[in-house]
Structure formats: C-alpha cells, structure tokens
Amino acid sequence: MWEKVDGNKVFRYSVEDHIKLSLAAEECQNFLVDDEDEIIDDSVSCQNCAYRRWGENTIYCMRTE
C-alpha cells in the first residue's frame, strides 16, 4: 500500500480511502496512536498514527524500518 517516492514512503491511495488506511495500520507493526489532539477519530488508521505526516493529497510514513 506504500511506495517509495524520492526517498519517502508515500501512501499509494487516496487519503479518503479509509478502508485501505485502516488495513495498512492494522498490518503495520510500528503503528503508534498519535496525541489525542492530532487524531481524526478513535479508529486504528494511518491517519491517526504518530509517524504520519500530511502531504498534498497523500500521507507520508516517517517511520524508518
């Protein structure tokens, strides 16, 4: 669900694809829920991960493996 673009790990799908964002987070061994004031809702989703950074129309994962 992720691809490398210019050295960054970028989500391949729309940030509106909540099902894929949830599946990616559930499969991720590094998921870490962000601070309460930074999360969208209570779901396990890349949108709610502490390693997530917002880009224009996408999400970047800043977790190095």
PDB file of N, CA and C in Angstrom:
ATOM      1  N   MET A   1       0.809  -1.197   0.000  1.00  0.00           N
ATOM      2  CA  MET A   1       0.000   0.000   0.000  1.00  0.00           C
ATOM      3  C   MET A   1       0.851   1.258   0.000  1.00  0.00           C
ATOM      4  N   TRP A   2       2.146   1.052   0.132  1.00  0.00           N
ATOM      5  CA  TRP A   2       3.084   2.164   0.180  1.00  0.00           C
ATOM      6  C   TRP A   2       4.072   2.054  -0.972  1.00  0.00           C
ATOM      7  N   GLU A   3       4.616   3.181  -1.376  1.00  0.00           N
ATOM      8  CA  GLU A   3       5.666   3.183  -2.378  1.00  0.00           C
ATOM      9  C   GLU A   3       6.698   4.236  -2.006  1.00  0.00           C
ATOM     10  N   LYS A   4       7.919   4.020  -2.455  1.00  0.00           N
ATOM     11  CA  LYS A   4       8.986   4.991  -2.209  1.00  0.00           C
ATOM     12  C   LYS A   4       8.976   6.021  -3.330  1.00  0.00           C
ATOM     13  N   VAL A   5       8.929   7.295  -2.964  1.00  0.00           N
ATOM     14  CA  VAL A   5       8.980   8.396  -3.910  1.00  0.00           C
ATOM     15  C   VAL A   5       9.993   9.398  -3.374  1.00  0.00           C
ATOM     16  N   ASP A   6      11.072   9.577  -4.109  1.00  0.00           N
ATOM     17  CA  ASP A   6      12.129  10.494  -3.686  1.00  0.00           C
ATOM     18  C   ASP A   6      12.598  10.204  -2.265  1.00  0.00           C
ATOM     19  N   GLY A   7      12.701   8.926  -1.930  1.00  0.00           N
ATOM     20  CA  GLY A   7      13.186   8.512  -0.619  1.00  0.00           C
ATOM     21  C   GLY A   7      12.149   8.544   0.486  1.00  0.00           C
ATOM     22  N   ASN A   8      10.917   8.914   0.159  1.00  0.00           N
ATOM     23  CA  ASN A   8       9.842   8.983   1.148  1.00  0.00           C
ATOM     24  C   ASN A   8       8.865   7.835   0.947  1.00  0.00           C
ATOM     25  N   LYS A   9       8.307   7.339   2.028  1.00  0.00           N
ATOM     26  CA  LYS A   9       7.293   6.287   1.984  1.00  0.00           C
ATOM     27  C   LYS A   9       5.928   6.968   1.870  1.00  0.00           C
ATOM     28  N   VAL A  10       5.286   6.797   0.695  1.00  0.00           N
ATOM     29  CA  VAL A  10       4.059   7.513   0.360  1.00  0.00           C
ATOM     30  C   VAL A  10       2.902   6.526   0.199  1.00  0.00           C
ATOM     31  N   PHE A  11       1.762   6.867   0.775  1.00  0.00           N
ATOM     32  CA  PHE A  11       0.562   6.048   0.641  1.00  0.00           C
ATOM     33  C   PHE A  11       0.088   6.119  -0.801  1.00  0.00           C
ATOM     34  N   ARG A  12      -0.140   4.982  -1.442  1.00  0.00           N
ATOM     35  CA  ARG A  12      -0.497   4.903  -2.862  1.00  0.00           C
ATOM     36  C   ARG A  12      -1.922   5.338  -3.170  1.00  0.00           C
ATOM     37  N   TYR A  13      -2.782   5.296  -2.192  1.00  0.00           N
ATOM     38  CA  TYR A  13      -4.198   5.525  -2.432  1.00  0.00           C
ATOM     39  C   TYR A  13      -4.632   6.874  -1.860  1.00  0.00           C
ATOM     40  N   SER A  14      -5.859   7.224  -2.109  1.00  0.00           N
ATOM     41  CA  SER A  14      -6.413   8.483  -1.628  1.00  0.00           C
ATOM     42  C   SER A  14      -6.486   8.504  -0.098  1.00  0.00           C
ATOM     43  N   VAL A  15      -6.302   9.674   0.465  1.00  0.00           N
ATOM     44  CA  VAL A  15      -6.475   9.820   1.915  1.00  0.00           C
ATOM     45  C   VAL A  15      -7.940   9.660   2.307  1.00  0.00           C
ATOM     46  N   GLU A  16      -8.809   9.603   1.327  1.00  0.00           N
ATOM     47  CA  GLU A  16     -10.232   9.368   1.566  1.00  0.00           C
ATOM     48  C   GLU A  16     -10.564   7.873   1.601  1.00  0.00           C
ATOM     49  N   ASP A  17      -9.612   7.022   1.276  1.00  0.00           N
ATOM     50  CA  ASP A  17      -9.837   5.578   1.268  1.00  0.00           C
ATOM     51  C   ASP A  17      -9.600   5.040   2.679  1.00  0.00           C
ATOM     52  N   HIS A  18     -10.590   5.205   3.523  1.00  0.00           N
ATOM     53  CA  HIS A  18     -10.474   4.868   4.935  1.00  0.00           C
ATOM     54  C   HIS A  18     -10.283   3.368   5.174  1.00  0.00           C
ATOM     55  N   ILE A  19     -10.827   2.555   4.311  1.00  0.00           N
ATOM     56  CA  ILE A  19     -10.654   1.107   4.459  1.00  0.00           C
ATOM     57  C   ILE A  19      -9.190   0.731   4.264  1.00  0.00           C
ATOM     58  N   LYS A  20      -8.564   1.227   3.221  1.00  0.00           N
ATOM     59  CA  LYS A  20      -7.156   0.911   2.974  1.00  0.00           C
ATOM     60  C   LYS A  20      -6.253   1.515   4.058  1.00  0.00           C
ATOM     61  N   LEU A  21      -6.590   2.696   4.539  1.00  0.00           N
ATOM     62  CA  LEU A  21      -5.812   3.309   5.618  1.00  0.00           C
ATOM     63  C   LEU A  21      -5.900   2.483   6.897  1.00  0.00           C
ATOM     64  N   SER A  22      -7.060   1.932   7.173  1.00  0.00           N
ATOM     65  CA  SER A  22      -7.228   1.074   8.347  1.00  0.00           C
ATOM     66  C   SER A  22      -6.487  -0.249   8.183  1.00  0.00           C
ATOM     67  N   LEU A  23      -6.599  -0.852   7.013  1.00  0.00           N
ATOM     68  CA  LEU A  23      -5.899  -2.110   6.750  1.00  0.00           C
ATOM     69  C   LEU A  23      -4.385  -1.932   6.856  1.00  0.00           C
ATOM     70  N   ALA A  24      -3.875  -0.854   6.307  1.00  0.00           N
ATOM     71  CA  ALA A  24      -2.431  -0.591   6.372  1.00  0.00           C
ATOM     72  C   ALA A  24      -1.973  -0.441   7.815  1.00  0.00           C
ATOM     73  N   ALA A  25      -2.747   0.250   8.627  1.00  0.00           N
ATOM     74  CA  ALA A  25      -2.386   0.450  10.034  1.00  0.00           C
ATOM     75  C   ALA A  25      -2.458  -0.855  10.817  1.00  0.00           C
ATOM     76  N   GLU A  26      -3.460  -1.676  10.529  1.00  0.00           N
ATOM     77  CA  GLU A  26      -3.605  -2.964  11.222  1.00  0.00           C
ATOM     78  C   GLU A  26      -2.456  -3.912  10.887  1.00  0.00           C
ATOM     79  N   GLU A  27      -1.932  -3.824   9.668  1.00  0.00           N
ATOM     80  CA  GLU A  27      -0.819  -4.672   9.235  1.00  0.00           C
ATOM     81  C   GLU A  27       0.538  -4.148   9.694  1.00  0.00           C
ATOM     82  N   CYS A  28       0.590  -2.912  10.106  1.00  0.00           N
ATOM     83  CA  CYS A  28       1.854  -2.255  10.465  1.00  0.00           C
ATOM     84  C   CYS A  28       2.272  -2.612  11.894  1.00  0.00           C
ATOM     85  N   GLN A  29       3.470  -3.107  12.035  1.00  0.00           N
ATOM     86  CA  GLN A  29       3.988  -3.440  13.361  1.00  0.00           C
ATOM     87  C   GLN A  29       4.467  -2.200  14.118  1.00  0.00           C
ATOM     88  N   ASN A  30       4.548  -1.076  13.424  1.00  0.00           N
ATOM     89  CA  ASN A  30       5.061   0.153  14.036  1.00  0.00           C
ATOM     90  C   ASN A  30       3.975   1.178  14.346  1.00  0.00           C
ATOM     91  N   PHE A  31       2.699   0.812  14.119  1.00  0.00           N
ATOM     92  CA  PHE A  31       1.621   1.765  14.370  1.00  0.00           C
ATOM     93  C   PHE A  31       1.676   2.256  15.808  1.00  0.00           C
ATOM     94  N   LEU A  32       1.602   3.551  15.972  1.00  0.00           N
ATOM     95  CA  LEU A  32       1.608   4.183  17.288  1.00  0.00           C
ATOM     96  C   LEU A  32       0.581   5.303  17.257  1.00  0.00           C
ATOM     97  N   VAL A  33      -0.453   5.190  18.066  1.00  0.00           N
ATOM     98  CA  VAL A  33      -1.504   6.203  18.059  1.00  0.00           C
ATOM     99  C   VAL A  33      -0.902   7.567  18.415  1.00  0.00           C
ATOM    100  N   ASP A  34      -1.308   8.572  17.676  1.00  0.00           N
ATOM    101  CA  ASP A  34      -0.814   9.934  17.861  1.00  0.00           C
ATOM    102  C   ASP A  34      -1.443  10.567  19.102  1.00  0.00           C
ATOM    103  N   ASP A  35      -1.011  11.773  19.441  1.00  0.00           N
ATOM    104  CA  ASP A  35      -1.596  12.517  20.561  1.00  0.00           C
ATOM    105  C   ASP A  35      -3.079  12.753  20.302  1.00  0.00           C
ATOM    106  N   GLU A  36      -3.831  12.816  21.364  1.00  0.00           N
ATOM    107  CA  GLU A  36      -5.285  12.956  21.265  1.00  0.00           C
ATOM    108  C   GLU A  36      -5.710  14.140  20.396  1.00  0.00           C
ATOM    109  N   ASP A  37      -4.996  15.246  20.474  1.00  0.00           N
ATOM    110  CA  ASP A  37      -5.380  16.425  19.703  1.00  0.00           C
ATOM    111  C   ASP A  37      -4.976  16.334  18.229  1.00  0.00           C
ATOM    112  N   GLU A  38      -4.266  15.284  17.843  1.00  0.00           N
ATOM    113  CA  GLU A  38      -3.814  15.106  16.463  1.00  0.00           C
ATOM    114  C   GLU A  38      -4.571  14.028  15.697  1.00  0.00           C
ATOM    115  N   ILE A  39      -5.410  13.245  16.384  1.00  0.00           N
ATOM    116  CA  ILE A  39      -6.097  12.150  15.703  1.00  0.00           C
ATOM    117  C   ILE A  39      -7.429  12.604  15.124  1.00  0.00           C
ATOM    118  N   ILE A  40      -7.866  11.866  14.101  1.00  0.00           N
ATOM    119  CA  ILE A  40      -9.123  12.167  13.414  1.00  0.00           C
ATOM    120  C   ILE A  40     -10.305  11.578  14.182  1.00  0.00           C
ATOM    121  N   ASP A  41     -10.136  10.318  14.625  1.00  0.00           N
ATOM    122  CA  ASP A  41     -11.180   9.613  15.372  1.00  0.00           C
ATOM    123  C   ASP A  41     -10.498   8.512  16.186  1.00  0.00           C
ATOM    124  N   ASP A  42     -11.255   7.605  16.744  1.00  0.00           N
ATOM    125  CA  ASP A  42     -10.687   6.558  17.598  1.00  0.00           C
ATOM    126  C   ASP A  42     -10.282   5.290  16.846  1.00  0.00           C
ATOM    127  N   SER A  43     -10.331   5.306  15.522  1.00  0.00           N
ATOM    128  CA  SER A  43     -10.026   4.108  14.747  1.00  0.00           C
ATOM    129  C   SER A  43      -8.516   3.885  14.620  1.00  0.00           C
ATOM    130  N   VAL A  44      -8.152   2.624  14.360  1.00  0.00           N
ATOM    131  CA  VAL A  44      -6.772   2.299  14.030  1.00  0.00           C
ATOM    132  C   VAL A  44      -6.630   2.577  12.545  1.00  0.00           C
ATOM    133  N   SER A  45      -5.919   3.647  12.215  1.00  0.00           N
ATOM    134  CA  SER A  45      -5.784   4.094  10.839  1.00  0.00           C
ATOM    135  C   SER A  45      -4.473   4.862  10.710  1.00  0.00           C
ATOM    136  N   CYS A  46      -3.890   4.829   9.540  1.00  0.00           N
ATOM    137  CA  CYS A  46      -2.664   5.596   9.307  1.00  0.00           C
ATOM    138  C   CYS A  46      -2.897   7.085   9.570  1.00  0.00           C
ATOM    139  N   GLN A  47      -4.118   7.539   9.407  1.00  0.00           N
ATOM    140  CA  GLN A  47      -4.436   8.939   9.690  1.00  0.00           C
ATOM    141  C   GLN A  47      -4.248   9.281  11.163  1.00  0.00           C
ATOM    142  N   ASN A  48      -4.262   8.290  12.027  1.00  0.00           N
ATOM    143  CA  ASN A  48      -4.144   8.502  13.464  1.00  0.00           C
ATOM    144  C   ASN A  48      -2.794   8.069  14.019  1.00  0.00           C
ATOM    145  N   CYS A  49      -1.843   7.819  13.157  1.00  0.00           N
ATOM    146  CA  CYS A  49      -0.530   7.330  13.582  1.00  0.00           C
ATOM    147  C   CYS A  49       0.437   8.483  13.873  1.00  0.00           C
ATOM    148  N   ALA A  50       1.234   8.317  14.885  1.00  0.00           N
ATOM    149  CA  ALA A  50       2.214   9.337  15.257  1.00  0.00           C
ATOM    150  C   ALA A  50       3.298   9.528  14.189  1.00  0.00           C
ATOM    151  N   TYR A  51       3.508   8.522  13.350  1.00  0.00           N
ATOM    152  CA  TYR A  51       4.536   8.600  12.303  1.00  0.00           C
ATOM    153  C   TYR A  51       3.999   9.186  10.997  1.00  0.00           C
ATOM    154  N   ARG A  52       2.716   9.494  10.949  1.00  0.00           N
ATOM    155  CA  ARG A  52       2.082  10.035   9.754  1.00  0.00           C
ATOM    156  C   ARG A  52       2.368  11.533   9.617  1.00  0.00           C
ATOM    157  N   ARG A  53       2.641  11.926   8.372  1.00  0.00           N
ATOM    158  CA  ARG A  53       2.741  13.343   8.048  1.00  0.00           C
ATOM    159  C   ARG A  53       1.837  13.584   6.854  1.00  0.00           C
ATOM    160  N   TRP A  54       1.126  14.689   6.885  1.00  0.00           N
ATOM    161  CA  TRP A  54       0.202  15.015   5.807  1.00  0.00           C
ATOM    162  C   TRP A  54       0.958  15.666   4.661  1.00  0.00           C
ATOM    163  N   GLY A  55       0.618  15.235   3.454  1.00  0.00           N
ATOM    164  CA  GLY A  55       1.123  15.857   2.241  1.00  0.00           C
ATOM    165  C   GLY A  55      -0.062  16.339   1.435  1.00  0.00           C
ATOM    166  N   GLU A  56       0.226  16.901   0.304  1.00  0.00           N
ATOM    167  CA  GLU A  56      -0.863  17.347  -0.554  1.00  0.00           C
ATOM    168  C   GLU A  56      -1.518  16.118  -1.181  1.00  0.00           C
ATOM    169  N   ASN A  57      -2.712  15.786  -0.753  1.00  0.00           N
ATOM    170  CA  ASN A  57      -3.491  14.646  -1.244  1.00  0.00           C
ATOM    171  C   ASN A  57      -2.911  13.280  -0.875  1.00  0.00           C
ATOM    172  N   THR A  58      -2.021  13.210   0.095  1.00  0.00           N
ATOM    173  CA  THR A  58      -1.453  11.927   0.479  1.00  0.00           C
ATOM    174  C   THR A  58      -0.970  11.949   1.921  1.00  0.00           C
ATOM    175  N   ILE A  59      -0.490  10.804   2.361  1.00  0.00           N
ATOM    176  CA  ILE A  59       0.105  10.655   3.688  1.00  0.00           C
ATOM    177  C   ILE A  59       1.505  10.086   3.512  1.00  0.00           C
ATOM    178  N   TYR A  60       2.430  10.592   4.294  1.00  0.00           N
ATOM    179  CA  TYR A  60       3.800  10.075   4.315  1.00  0.00           C
ATOM    180  C   TYR A  60       4.008   9.335   5.637  1.00  0.00           C
ATOM    181  N   CYS A  61       4.695   8.213   5.576  1.00  0.00           N
ATOM    182  CA  CYS A  61       5.069   7.486   6.787  1.00  0.00           C
ATOM    183  C   CYS A  61       6.516   7.833   7.090  1.00  0.00           C
ATOM    184  N   MET A  62       6.758   8.409   8.242  1.00  0.00           N
ATOM    185  CA  MET A  62       8.100   8.844   8.612  1.00  0.00           C
ATOM    186  C   MET A  62       8.854   7.798   9.423  1.00  0.00           C
ATOM    187  N   ARG A  63       8.234   6.659   9.647  1.00  0.00           N
ATOM    188  CA  ARG A  63       8.887   5.576  10.397  1.00  0.00           C
ATOM    189  C   ARG A  63       9.951   4.936   9.522  1.00  0.00           C
ATOM    190  N   THR A  64      11.175   4.928   9.991  1.00  0.00           N
ATOM    191  CA  THR A  64      12.239   4.249   9.269  1.00  0.00           C
ATOM    192  C   THR A  64      12.279   2.809   9.742  1.00  0.00           C
ATOM    193  N   GLU A  65      12.519   1.916   8.840  1.00  0.00           N
ATOM    194  CA  GLU A  65      12.463   0.486   9.170  1.00  0.00           C
ATOM    195  C   GLU A  65      13.813  -0.073   9.482  1.00  0.00           C
TER     196      GLU A  65
END
